[in-house]
């Protein structure tokens, strides 16, 4: 099934609007924050190429991000939890916290949200969780792009602070090069010390 407004239209037909899509980026990396985004697309919105961020090149994501975030009819917000918060709460709870925060930062309050993945406990409004939702709902796809681009830019900034780790290349994911560098230098302040590869690299 292609990415579409099908789920949004079902809700709109029942008088439920606005509807936001919510997604995150950065659950799997060993370093840096997890970033969540919430996006409300206006009725009739059309943006060619809008799709799951994982299916797009970095160049295409950047172009779509600029279109989404500069459109005055698109309501959006993002939030993040840092590595120390991830270590404190665990990655799942930190991700849920970032998703709830992004929702609360929206300039317009949705009546319903479409969330990529599984249901989020204690969410502030009604939700529909869609596994693989970033490839099903255009609202979630838009959120996936906002979250991914914002997180990538954070990792590029962190690369300038900690150039020896190569964050701009692997964005903190456990690539072979990152693991080698982690073993050589040990973790830096933005590494997630509760993640096994980082914990194993801590020097006595």
N, C-alpha and C. Protein backbone atom coordinates (compact mmCIF):
# COMPACT_ATOMS: atom_id res chain seq x y z
N UNK A 1 0.85 -1.19 0.00
CA UNK A 1 0.00 0.00 0.00
C UNK A 1 0.89 1.25 0.00
N UNK A 2 0.69 2.16 -0.96
CA UNK A 2 1.53 3.37 -0.99
C UNK A 2 1.19 4.31 0.15
N UNK A 3 2.13 5.18 0.45
CA UNK A 3 1.93 6.20 1.48
C UNK A 3 0.82 7.14 1.01
N UNK A 4 -0.17 7.40 1.87
CA UNK A 4 -1.34 8.18 1.45
C UNK A 4 -1.97 8.88 2.65
N UNK A 5 -3.09 9.53 2.37
CA UNK A 5 -3.89 10.16 3.43
C UNK A 5 -5.06 9.28 3.86
N UNK A 6 -5.02 8.00 3.55
CA UNK A 6 -6.16 7.13 3.84
C UNK A 6 -6.56 7.17 5.31
N UNK A 7 -5.60 7.02 6.20
CA UNK A 7 -5.92 6.99 7.63
C UNK A 7 -6.43 8.35 8.11
N UNK A 8 -5.82 9.42 7.60
CA UNK A 8 -6.29 10.75 7.95
C UNK A 8 -7.72 10.97 7.47
N UNK A 9 -8.01 10.54 6.23
CA UNK A 9 -9.34 10.75 5.67
C UNK A 9 -10.41 9.99 6.44
N UNK A 10 -10.08 8.78 6.92
CA UNK A 10 -11.04 8.02 7.73
C UNK A 10 -11.43 8.81 8.99
N UNK A 11 -10.42 9.43 9.61
CA UNK A 11 -10.69 10.22 10.81
C UNK A 11 -11.46 11.49 10.48
N UNK A 12 -11.08 12.16 9.40
CA UNK A 12 -11.76 13.39 9.00
C UNK A 12 -13.23 13.12 8.69
N UNK A 13 -13.52 11.97 8.08
CA UNK A 13 -14.90 11.62 7.74
C UNK A 13 -15.78 11.47 8.97
N UNK A 14 -15.16 11.21 10.11
CA UNK A 14 -15.89 11.09 11.37
C UNK A 14 -15.88 12.41 12.15
N UNK A 15 -15.41 13.46 11.50
CA UNK A 15 -15.38 14.76 12.14
C UNK A 15 -14.21 14.96 13.07
N UNK A 16 -13.20 14.09 12.97
CA UNK A 16 -12.03 14.17 13.85
C UNK A 16 -10.91 14.88 13.11
N UNK A 17 -10.67 16.10 13.50
CA UNK A 17 -9.58 16.89 12.92
C UNK A 17 -9.26 18.06 13.85
N UNK A 18 -8.04 18.55 13.82
CA UNK A 18 -6.92 18.11 13.00
C UNK A 18 -6.29 16.81 13.50
N UNK A 19 -5.56 16.18 12.59
CA UNK A 19 -4.86 14.93 12.87
C UNK A 19 -3.38 15.17 12.65
N UNK A 20 -2.56 14.74 13.58
CA UNK A 20 -1.11 14.90 13.47
C UNK A 20 -0.45 13.54 13.25
N UNK A 21 0.64 13.54 12.53
CA UNK A 21 1.51 12.38 12.42
C UNK A 21 2.70 12.56 13.34
N UNK A 22 3.13 11.48 13.98
CA UNK A 22 4.25 11.55 14.91
C UNK A 22 5.23 10.43 14.61
N UNK A 23 6.51 10.76 14.59
CA UNK A 23 7.55 9.75 14.38
C UNK A 23 8.81 10.21 15.09
N UNK A 24 9.79 9.31 15.16
CA UNK A 24 11.05 9.61 15.83
C UNK A 24 12.23 9.22 14.96
N UNK A 25 13.37 9.71 15.31
CA UNK A 25 14.63 9.31 14.68
C UNK A 25 15.67 9.17 15.78
N UNK A 26 16.45 8.08 15.71
CA UNK A 26 17.57 7.96 16.63
C UNK A 26 17.40 6.99 17.77
N UNK A 27 16.53 5.98 17.62
CA UNK A 27 16.43 5.00 18.70
C UNK A 27 17.64 4.06 18.72
N UNK A 28 18.21 3.76 17.57
CA UNK A 28 19.25 2.75 17.49
C UNK A 28 20.68 3.20 17.69
N UNK A 29 21.01 4.48 17.53
CA UNK A 29 22.41 4.90 17.65
C UNK A 29 22.98 4.71 19.05
N UNK A 30 24.31 4.77 19.10
CA UNK A 30 25.03 4.68 20.37
C UNK A 30 25.31 6.04 20.97
N UNK A 31 25.02 7.11 20.23
CA UNK A 31 25.34 8.46 20.70
C UNK A 31 24.30 9.44 20.20
N UNK A 32 24.22 10.56 20.92
CA UNK A 32 23.32 11.62 20.51
C UNK A 32 21.89 11.42 21.00
N UNK A 33 21.04 12.40 20.72
CA UNK A 33 19.67 12.36 21.22
C UNK A 33 18.75 11.49 20.37
N UNK A 34 17.59 11.19 20.92
CA UNK A 34 16.47 10.70 20.13
C UNK A 34 15.59 11.91 19.88
N UNK A 35 15.13 12.08 18.64
CA UNK A 35 14.35 13.25 18.24
C UNK A 35 12.99 12.79 17.75
N UNK A 36 11.93 13.43 18.21
CA UNK A 36 10.58 13.15 17.75
C UNK A 36 10.01 14.39 17.08
N UNK A 37 9.13 14.18 16.11
CA UNK A 37 8.46 15.30 15.45
C UNK A 37 6.98 15.00 15.32
N UNK A 38 6.19 16.05 15.37
CA UNK A 38 4.75 15.97 15.15
C UNK A 38 4.40 16.96 14.04
N UNK A 39 3.59 16.51 13.08
CA UNK A 39 3.26 17.34 11.92
C UNK A 39 1.78 17.23 11.61
N UNK A 40 1.15 18.38 11.38
CA UNK A 40 -0.23 18.44 10.90
C UNK A 40 -0.20 19.02 9.49
N UNK A 41 -0.61 18.23 8.51
CA UNK A 41 -0.65 18.69 7.13
C UNK A 41 -2.05 19.25 6.84
N UNK A 42 -2.14 20.35 6.09
CA UNK A 42 -3.45 20.95 5.81
C UNK A 42 -4.24 20.12 4.80
N UNK A 43 -5.56 20.27 4.76
CA UNK A 43 -6.37 19.55 3.77
C UNK A 43 -5.89 19.85 2.35
N UNK A 44 -5.84 18.81 1.53
CA UNK A 44 -5.43 18.98 0.15
C UNK A 44 -3.95 19.16 -0.05
N UNK A 45 -3.16 18.97 1.00
CA UNK A 45 -1.71 19.17 0.90
C UNK A 45 -1.11 18.20 -0.10
N UNK A 46 -0.24 18.72 -0.95
CA UNK A 46 0.41 17.90 -1.97
C UNK A 46 1.88 18.28 -2.05
N UNK A 47 2.73 17.32 -1.75
CA UNK A 47 4.17 17.54 -1.82
C UNK A 47 4.79 16.34 -2.52
N UNK A 48 5.07 16.45 -3.81
CA UNK A 48 5.63 15.32 -4.55
C UNK A 48 6.90 14.78 -3.89
N UNK A 49 6.98 13.46 -3.79
CA UNK A 49 8.15 12.82 -3.21
C UNK A 49 8.04 12.56 -1.73
N UNK A 50 6.99 13.07 -1.08
CA UNK A 50 6.84 12.86 0.35
C UNK A 50 6.64 11.38 0.64
N UNK A 51 7.51 10.82 1.49
CA UNK A 51 7.48 9.38 1.78
C UNK A 51 8.30 9.14 3.04
N UNK A 52 8.32 7.89 3.46
CA UNK A 52 9.14 7.45 4.58
C UNK A 52 10.57 7.96 4.40
N UNK A 53 11.10 8.62 5.42
CA UNK A 53 12.43 9.22 5.31
C UNK A 53 13.51 8.20 4.98
N UNK A 54 13.31 6.96 5.40
CA UNK A 54 14.34 5.92 5.16
C UNK A 54 14.44 5.57 3.67
N UNK A 55 13.42 5.90 2.89
CA UNK A 55 13.44 5.59 1.46
C UNK A 55 14.05 6.72 0.64
N UNK A 56 14.44 7.81 1.28
CA UNK A 56 14.87 9.00 0.58
C UNK A 56 16.36 9.26 0.78
N UNK A 57 16.96 9.91 -0.19
CA UNK A 57 18.35 10.34 -0.04
C UNK A 57 18.41 11.53 0.92
N UNK A 58 19.60 11.78 1.45
CA UNK A 58 19.77 12.93 2.35
C UNK A 58 19.40 14.23 1.64
N UNK A 59 19.76 14.36 0.38
CA UNK A 59 19.44 15.56 -0.39
C UNK A 59 17.93 15.73 -0.52
N UNK A 60 17.22 14.65 -0.82
CA UNK A 60 15.77 14.72 -0.96
C UNK A 60 15.11 15.04 0.37
N UNK A 61 15.60 14.44 1.46
CA UNK A 61 15.05 14.75 2.78
C UNK A 61 15.22 16.22 3.10
N UNK A 62 16.38 16.78 2.81
CA UNK A 62 16.62 18.19 3.10
C UNK A 62 15.65 19.09 2.32
N UNK A 63 15.43 18.76 1.06
CA UNK A 63 14.52 19.56 0.24
C UNK A 63 13.09 19.49 0.78
N UNK A 64 12.65 18.29 1.12
CA UNK A 64 11.30 18.13 1.65
C UNK A 64 11.17 18.79 3.02
N UNK A 65 12.20 18.70 3.83
CA UNK A 65 12.20 19.35 5.14
C UNK A 65 12.00 20.86 4.99
N UNK A 66 12.73 21.46 4.06
CA UNK A 66 12.62 22.90 3.87
C UNK A 66 11.22 23.27 3.40
N UNK A 67 10.63 22.46 2.53
CA UNK A 67 9.27 22.72 2.06
C UNK A 67 8.26 22.60 3.20
N UNK A 68 8.41 21.55 4.01
CA UNK A 68 7.47 21.32 5.11
C UNK A 68 7.56 22.42 6.17
N UNK A 69 8.76 22.75 6.58
CA UNK A 69 8.93 23.67 7.71
C UNK A 69 8.77 25.14 7.32
N UNK A 70 8.78 25.43 6.03
CA UNK A 70 8.60 26.82 5.59
C UNK A 70 7.17 27.11 5.15
N UNK A 71 6.34 26.08 5.06
CA UNK A 71 4.95 26.25 4.63
C UNK A 71 4.11 26.75 5.81
N UNK A 72 3.53 27.94 5.72
CA UNK A 72 2.78 28.46 6.86
C UNK A 72 1.52 27.66 7.20
N UNK A 73 1.07 26.82 6.28
CA UNK A 73 -0.12 26.00 6.52
C UNK A 73 0.21 24.67 7.19
N UNK A 74 1.48 24.35 7.31
CA UNK A 74 1.91 23.11 7.97
C UNK A 74 2.26 23.44 9.42
N UNK A 75 1.60 22.77 10.35
CA UNK A 75 1.93 22.94 11.77
C UNK A 75 2.89 21.82 12.17
N UNK A 76 3.98 22.18 12.81
CA UNK A 76 4.95 21.15 13.17
C UNK A 76 5.71 21.56 14.44
N UNK A 77 6.26 20.55 15.08
CA UNK A 77 7.10 20.77 16.25
C UNK A 77 8.00 19.57 16.42
N UNK A 78 9.12 19.78 17.09
CA UNK A 78 10.03 18.67 17.38
C UNK A 78 10.51 18.78 18.81
N UNK A 79 10.95 17.65 19.34
CA UNK A 79 11.48 17.61 20.71
C UNK A 79 12.52 16.50 20.77
N UNK A 80 13.38 16.57 21.75
CA UNK A 80 14.44 15.57 21.84
C UNK A 80 14.72 15.19 23.28
N UNK A 81 15.26 14.02 23.45
CA UNK A 81 15.80 13.59 24.74
C UNK A 81 17.27 13.27 24.54
N UNK A 82 18.10 13.85 25.40
CA UNK A 82 19.54 13.71 25.25
C UNK A 82 20.02 12.34 25.75
N UNK A 83 21.27 12.06 25.48
CA UNK A 83 21.83 10.75 25.83
C UNK A 83 21.78 10.49 27.33
N UNK A 84 21.98 11.52 28.14
CA UNK A 84 21.92 11.31 29.60
C UNK A 84 20.50 10.95 30.04
N UNK A 85 19.51 11.52 29.36
CA UNK A 85 18.12 11.19 29.67
C UNK A 85 17.78 9.77 29.22
N UNK A 86 18.32 9.38 28.08
CA UNK A 86 18.14 8.01 27.59
C UNK A 86 18.74 7.02 28.59
N UNK A 87 19.92 7.35 29.11
CA UNK A 87 20.55 6.47 30.10
C UNK A 87 19.74 6.41 31.39
N UNK A 88 19.08 7.50 31.70
CA UNK A 88 18.30 7.55 32.94
C UNK A 88 16.98 6.79 32.82
N UNK A 89 16.29 6.98 31.69
CA UNK A 89 14.92 6.45 31.56
C UNK A 89 14.84 5.17 30.74
N UNK A 90 15.80 4.87 29.90
CA UNK A 90 15.89 3.86 28.85
C UNK A 90 15.35 4.44 27.54
N UNK A 91 15.75 3.85 26.44
CA UNK A 91 15.48 4.44 25.13
C UNK A 91 14.00 4.48 24.80
N UNK A 92 13.24 3.45 25.21
CA UNK A 92 11.81 3.44 24.89
C UNK A 92 11.08 4.57 25.61
N UNK A 93 11.33 4.70 26.92
CA UNK A 93 10.66 5.75 27.68
C UNK A 93 11.10 7.14 27.21
N UNK A 94 12.37 7.28 26.85
CA UNK A 94 12.85 8.57 26.35
C UNK A 94 12.19 8.91 25.01
N UNK A 95 12.03 7.91 24.16
CA UNK A 95 11.36 8.13 22.87
C UNK A 95 9.92 8.56 23.09
N UNK A 96 9.22 7.87 23.97
CA UNK A 96 7.82 8.24 24.26
C UNK A 96 7.74 9.65 24.84
N UNK A 97 8.69 9.98 25.69
CA UNK A 97 8.70 11.32 26.29
C UNK A 97 8.90 12.39 25.20
N UNK A 98 9.81 12.14 24.27
CA UNK A 98 10.04 13.09 23.18
C UNK A 98 8.80 13.22 22.30
N UNK A 99 8.11 12.11 22.05
CA UNK A 99 6.89 12.16 21.24
C UNK A 99 5.80 12.99 21.93
N UNK A 100 5.63 12.76 23.22
CA UNK A 100 4.62 13.55 23.96
C UNK A 100 5.01 15.03 23.96
N UNK A 101 6.29 15.33 24.12
CA UNK A 101 6.74 16.72 24.14
C UNK A 101 6.51 17.39 22.79
N UNK A 102 6.81 16.70 21.69
CA UNK A 102 6.59 17.26 20.36
C UNK A 102 5.11 17.59 20.16
N UNK A 103 4.24 16.68 20.59
CA UNK A 103 2.79 16.91 20.50
C UNK A 103 2.41 18.18 21.25
N UNK A 104 2.90 18.33 22.47
CA UNK A 104 2.52 19.46 23.30
C UNK A 104 3.07 20.78 22.78
N UNK A 105 4.11 20.73 21.96
CA UNK A 105 4.70 21.94 21.40
C UNK A 105 4.02 22.40 20.10
N UNK A 106 3.12 21.59 19.56
CA UNK A 106 2.44 21.99 18.32
C UNK A 106 1.67 23.29 18.54
N UNK A 107 1.69 24.18 17.55
CA UNK A 107 0.94 25.44 17.69
C UNK A 107 -0.58 25.24 17.60
N UNK A 108 -0.99 24.08 17.06
CA UNK A 108 -2.41 23.72 16.97
C UNK A 108 -2.56 22.39 17.70
N UNK A 109 -3.60 22.24 18.50
CA UNK A 109 -3.77 21.00 19.26
C UNK A 109 -4.61 19.99 18.46
N UNK A 110 -4.03 18.87 18.06
CA UNK A 110 -4.78 17.85 17.32
C UNK A 110 -5.81 17.15 18.21
N UNK A 111 -6.85 16.62 17.57
CA UNK A 111 -7.81 15.78 18.29
C UNK A 111 -7.38 14.31 18.26
N UNK A 112 -6.48 13.97 17.32
CA UNK A 112 -6.06 12.58 17.18
C UNK A 112 -4.65 12.58 16.58
N UNK A 113 -3.87 11.58 16.94
CA UNK A 113 -2.54 11.44 16.34
C UNK A 113 -2.37 10.05 15.76
N UNK A 114 -1.63 10.01 14.68
CA UNK A 114 -1.19 8.76 14.06
C UNK A 114 0.28 8.60 14.41
N UNK A 115 0.61 7.52 15.10
CA UNK A 115 1.97 7.33 15.62
C UNK A 115 2.62 6.14 14.93
N UNK A 116 3.85 6.32 14.50
CA UNK A 116 4.59 5.21 13.91
C UNK A 116 4.98 4.22 15.00
N UNK A 117 4.66 2.94 14.77
CA UNK A 117 5.07 1.91 15.73
C UNK A 117 3.93 1.48 16.62
N UNK A 118 4.25 1.26 17.88
CA UNK A 118 3.29 0.76 18.86
C UNK A 118 2.69 1.91 19.67
N UNK A 119 1.58 1.67 20.38
CA UNK A 119 0.96 2.74 21.16
C UNK A 119 1.92 3.34 22.19
N UNK A 120 1.74 4.63 22.44
CA UNK A 120 2.56 5.35 23.42
C UNK A 120 1.73 5.50 24.70
N UNK A 121 2.20 4.98 25.82
CA UNK A 121 1.43 5.09 27.08
C UNK A 121 1.23 6.53 27.50
N UNK A 122 0.10 6.79 28.13
CA UNK A 122 -0.20 8.09 28.71
C UNK A 122 -0.07 9.23 27.71
N UNK A 123 -0.52 8.98 26.47
CA UNK A 123 -0.44 10.04 25.48
C UNK A 123 -1.55 11.05 25.74
N UNK A 124 -1.30 12.36 25.47
CA UNK A 124 -2.27 13.39 25.85
C UNK A 124 -3.56 13.42 25.04
N UNK A 125 -3.65 12.67 23.94
CA UNK A 125 -4.90 12.64 23.18
C UNK A 125 -5.08 11.26 22.57
N UNK A 126 -6.20 11.07 21.87
CA UNK A 126 -6.46 9.78 21.22
C UNK A 126 -5.38 9.50 20.18
N UNK A 127 -5.06 8.23 20.03
CA UNK A 127 -3.98 7.87 19.11
C UNK A 127 -4.34 6.61 18.33
N UNK A 128 -3.75 6.50 17.15
CA UNK A 128 -3.75 5.26 16.38
C UNK A 128 -2.31 4.93 16.09
N UNK A 129 -1.87 3.77 16.54
CA UNK A 129 -0.48 3.34 16.29
C UNK A 129 -0.45 2.48 15.04
N UNK A 130 0.48 2.78 14.15
CA UNK A 130 0.60 2.07 12.88
C UNK A 130 2.03 1.55 12.74
N UNK A 131 2.19 0.24 12.79
CA UNK A 131 3.51 -0.34 12.55
C UNK A 131 3.87 -0.09 11.09
N UNK A 132 5.03 0.46 10.87
CA UNK A 132 5.41 0.86 9.51
C UNK A 132 4.64 2.06 9.02
N UNK A 133 4.16 2.87 9.97
CA UNK A 133 3.29 3.99 9.63
C UNK A 133 3.95 5.05 8.76
N UNK A 134 5.28 5.17 8.84
CA UNK A 134 5.96 6.18 8.02
C UNK A 134 5.90 5.85 6.53
N UNK A 135 5.53 4.60 6.20
CA UNK A 135 5.32 4.23 4.81
C UNK A 135 3.86 4.11 4.44
N UNK A 136 2.96 4.43 5.39
CA UNK A 136 1.51 4.32 5.17
C UNK A 136 0.81 5.66 5.20
N UNK A 137 1.20 6.50 6.15
CA UNK A 137 0.53 7.79 6.37
C UNK A 137 1.45 8.93 5.96
N UNK A 138 0.93 9.84 5.14
CA UNK A 138 1.75 10.97 4.72
C UNK A 138 2.05 11.91 5.89
N UNK A 139 1.16 11.97 6.87
CA UNK A 139 1.43 12.81 8.04
C UNK A 139 2.60 12.24 8.84
N UNK A 140 2.62 10.91 9.01
CA UNK A 140 3.74 10.29 9.73
C UNK A 140 5.01 10.41 8.90
N UNK A 141 4.90 10.25 7.57
CA UNK A 141 6.08 10.40 6.71
C UNK A 141 6.68 11.79 6.86
N UNK A 142 5.82 12.81 6.92
CA UNK A 142 6.32 14.18 7.10
C UNK A 142 7.04 14.31 8.43
N UNK A 143 6.46 13.71 9.49
CA UNK A 143 7.12 13.74 10.80
C UNK A 143 8.45 13.01 10.77
N UNK A 144 8.51 11.90 10.03
CA UNK A 144 9.76 11.14 9.96
C UNK A 144 10.86 11.96 9.30
N UNK A 145 10.50 12.75 8.31
CA UNK A 145 11.49 13.60 7.63
C UNK A 145 11.98 14.70 8.55
N UNK A 146 11.04 15.36 9.24
CA UNK A 146 11.43 16.44 10.16
C UNK A 146 12.35 15.89 11.26
N UNK A 147 11.96 14.77 11.85
CA UNK A 147 12.77 14.19 12.93
C UNK A 147 14.15 13.78 12.42
N UNK A 148 14.20 13.12 11.27
CA UNK A 148 15.47 12.63 10.73
C UNK A 148 16.41 13.78 10.37
N UNK A 149 15.91 14.78 9.68
CA UNK A 149 16.77 15.89 9.27
C UNK A 149 17.27 16.66 10.50
N UNK A 150 16.37 16.91 11.46
CA UNK A 150 16.82 17.64 12.64
C UNK A 150 17.88 16.85 13.42
N UNK A 151 17.68 15.54 13.53
CA UNK A 151 18.67 14.75 14.26
C UNK A 151 20.00 14.70 13.50
N UNK A 152 19.94 14.54 12.19
CA UNK A 152 21.19 14.51 11.41
C UNK A 152 21.97 15.81 11.59
N UNK A 153 21.27 16.92 11.64
CA UNK A 153 21.94 18.20 11.81
C UNK A 153 22.56 18.33 13.21
N UNK A 154 21.88 17.78 14.20
CA UNK A 154 22.45 17.75 15.55
C UNK A 154 23.74 16.94 15.55
N UNK A 155 23.73 15.79 14.87
CA UNK A 155 24.93 14.94 14.84
C UNK A 155 26.07 15.60 14.07
N UNK A 156 25.74 16.39 13.07
CA UNK A 156 26.78 17.13 12.36
C UNK A 156 27.40 18.19 13.26
N UNK A 157 26.58 18.82 14.10
CA UNK A 157 27.12 19.77 15.08
C UNK A 157 28.01 19.05 16.10
N UNK A 158 27.57 17.86 16.54
CA UNK A 158 28.37 17.09 17.50
C UNK A 158 29.68 16.61 16.87
N UNK A 159 29.67 16.40 15.57
CA UNK A 159 30.91 16.01 14.88
C UNK A 159 31.95 17.11 14.99
N UNK A 160 31.51 18.36 14.96
CA UNK A 160 32.45 19.46 15.09
C UNK A 160 33.00 19.56 16.51
N UNK A 161 32.20 19.13 17.49
CA UNK A 161 32.67 19.14 18.88
C UNK A 161 33.58 17.95 19.19
N UNK A 162 33.29 16.81 18.57
CA UNK A 162 34.03 15.57 18.83
C UNK A 162 34.45 14.94 17.50
N UNK A 163 35.36 15.60 16.77
CA UNK A 163 35.68 15.18 15.40
C UNK A 163 36.27 13.79 15.28
N UNK A 164 36.86 13.28 16.36
CA UNK A 164 37.52 11.97 16.27
C UNK A 164 36.52 10.82 16.10
N UNK A 165 35.24 11.04 16.36
CA UNK A 165 34.27 9.94 16.31
C UNK A 165 33.55 9.81 14.97
N UNK A 166 33.63 10.80 14.10
CA UNK A 166 33.01 10.68 12.78
C UNK A 166 31.50 10.72 12.79
N UNK A 167 30.90 11.47 13.71
CA UNK A 167 29.45 11.49 13.82
C UNK A 167 28.75 11.96 12.55
N UNK A 168 29.38 12.83 11.78
CA UNK A 168 28.73 13.32 10.56
C UNK A 168 28.55 12.22 9.53
N UNK A 169 29.38 11.18 9.61
CA UNK A 169 29.28 10.07 8.65
C UNK A 169 28.26 9.04 9.08
N UNK A 170 28.33 8.59 10.32
CA UNK A 170 27.45 7.48 10.73
C UNK A 170 26.32 7.90 11.65
N UNK A 171 26.28 9.19 12.04
CA UNK A 171 25.20 9.75 12.86
C UNK A 171 25.03 9.02 14.19
N UNK A 172 26.09 8.38 14.66
CA UNK A 172 26.04 7.71 15.95
C UNK A 172 25.64 6.25 15.89
N UNK A 173 25.27 5.75 14.72
CA UNK A 173 24.88 4.34 14.60
C UNK A 173 26.11 3.43 14.77
N UNK A 174 25.90 2.19 15.16
CA UNK A 174 27.03 1.30 15.47
C UNK A 174 27.66 0.69 14.22
N UNK A 175 28.21 1.53 13.36
CA UNK A 175 28.92 1.04 12.19
C UNK A 175 30.28 0.46 12.62
N UNK A 176 30.91 -0.35 11.78
CA UNK A 176 32.23 -0.86 12.14
C UNK A 176 33.23 0.24 12.47
N UNK A 177 33.23 1.32 11.69
CA UNK A 177 34.17 2.42 11.95
C UNK A 177 33.88 3.07 13.31
N UNK A 178 32.61 3.24 13.62
CA UNK A 178 32.27 3.85 14.90
C UNK A 178 32.70 2.96 16.06
N UNK A 179 32.50 1.67 15.93
CA UNK A 179 32.88 0.75 17.01
C UNK A 179 34.39 0.73 17.21
N UNK A 180 35.14 0.79 16.12
CA UNK A 180 36.61 0.84 16.23
C UNK A 180 37.04 2.11 16.95
N UNK A 181 36.46 3.23 16.54
CA UNK A 181 36.80 4.52 17.16
C UNK A 181 36.39 4.55 18.63
N UNK A 182 35.25 3.96 18.93
CA UNK A 182 34.78 3.92 20.31
C UNK A 182 35.74 3.12 21.19
N UNK A 183 36.24 2.01 20.67
CA UNK A 183 37.20 1.21 21.44
C UNK A 183 38.53 1.94 21.60
N UNK A 184 38.90 2.71 20.58
CA UNK A 184 40.19 3.41 20.61
C UNK A 184 40.16 4.58 21.59
N UNK A 185 39.10 5.37 21.56
CA UNK A 185 39.05 6.60 22.35
C UNK A 185 38.19 6.49 23.61
N UNK A 186 37.38 5.44 23.70
CA UNK A 186 36.40 5.40 24.78
C UNK A 186 35.24 6.33 24.45
N UNK A 187 34.17 6.30 25.25
CA UNK A 187 33.01 7.13 24.95
C UNK A 187 33.25 8.60 25.25
N UNK A 188 32.54 9.46 24.52
CA UNK A 188 32.56 10.89 24.78
C UNK A 188 31.28 11.27 25.53
N UNK A 189 31.10 12.52 25.92
CA UNK A 189 29.94 12.89 26.75
C UNK A 189 28.58 12.63 26.12
N UNK A 190 28.50 12.49 24.79
CA UNK A 190 27.18 12.29 24.17
C UNK A 190 26.91 10.83 23.84
N UNK A 191 27.80 9.93 24.21
CA UNK A 191 27.52 8.50 24.03
C UNK A 191 26.52 8.02 25.08
N UNK A 192 25.73 7.03 24.68
CA UNK A 192 24.72 6.45 25.57
C UNK A 192 25.36 5.31 26.36
N UNK A 193 25.71 5.58 27.58
CA UNK A 193 26.50 4.63 28.37
C UNK A 193 25.70 3.42 28.80
N UNK A 194 24.38 3.47 28.69
CA UNK A 194 23.56 2.30 29.01
C UNK A 194 23.49 1.31 27.86
N UNK A 195 24.01 1.67 26.67
CA UNK A 195 24.02 0.76 25.53
C UNK A 195 25.27 -0.11 25.61
N UNK A 196 25.09 -1.41 25.40
CA UNK A 196 26.16 -2.38 25.66
C UNK A 196 27.49 -2.05 24.97
N UNK A 197 27.53 -1.71 23.67
CA UNK A 197 28.84 -1.43 23.05
C UNK A 197 29.56 -0.26 23.69
N UNK A 198 28.80 0.71 24.21
CA UNK A 198 29.43 1.86 24.87
C UNK A 198 29.92 1.45 26.25
N UNK A 199 29.08 0.74 26.99
CA UNK A 199 29.47 0.28 28.33
C UNK A 199 30.74 -0.57 28.26
N UNK A 200 30.84 -1.39 27.22
CA UNK A 200 32.02 -2.27 27.08
C UNK A 200 33.28 -1.49 26.74
N UNK A 201 33.09 -0.27 26.18
CA UNK A 201 34.25 0.52 25.79
C UNK A 201 34.72 1.47 26.88
N UNK A 202 34.01 1.51 28.00
CA UNK A 202 34.42 2.38 29.11
C UNK A 202 35.72 1.86 29.71
N UNK A 203 36.68 2.73 29.80
CA UNK A 203 37.99 2.31 30.33
C UNK A 203 37.98 2.34 31.85
N UNK A 204 38.59 1.35 32.47
CA UNK A 204 38.63 1.33 33.94
C UNK A 204 39.45 2.48 34.50
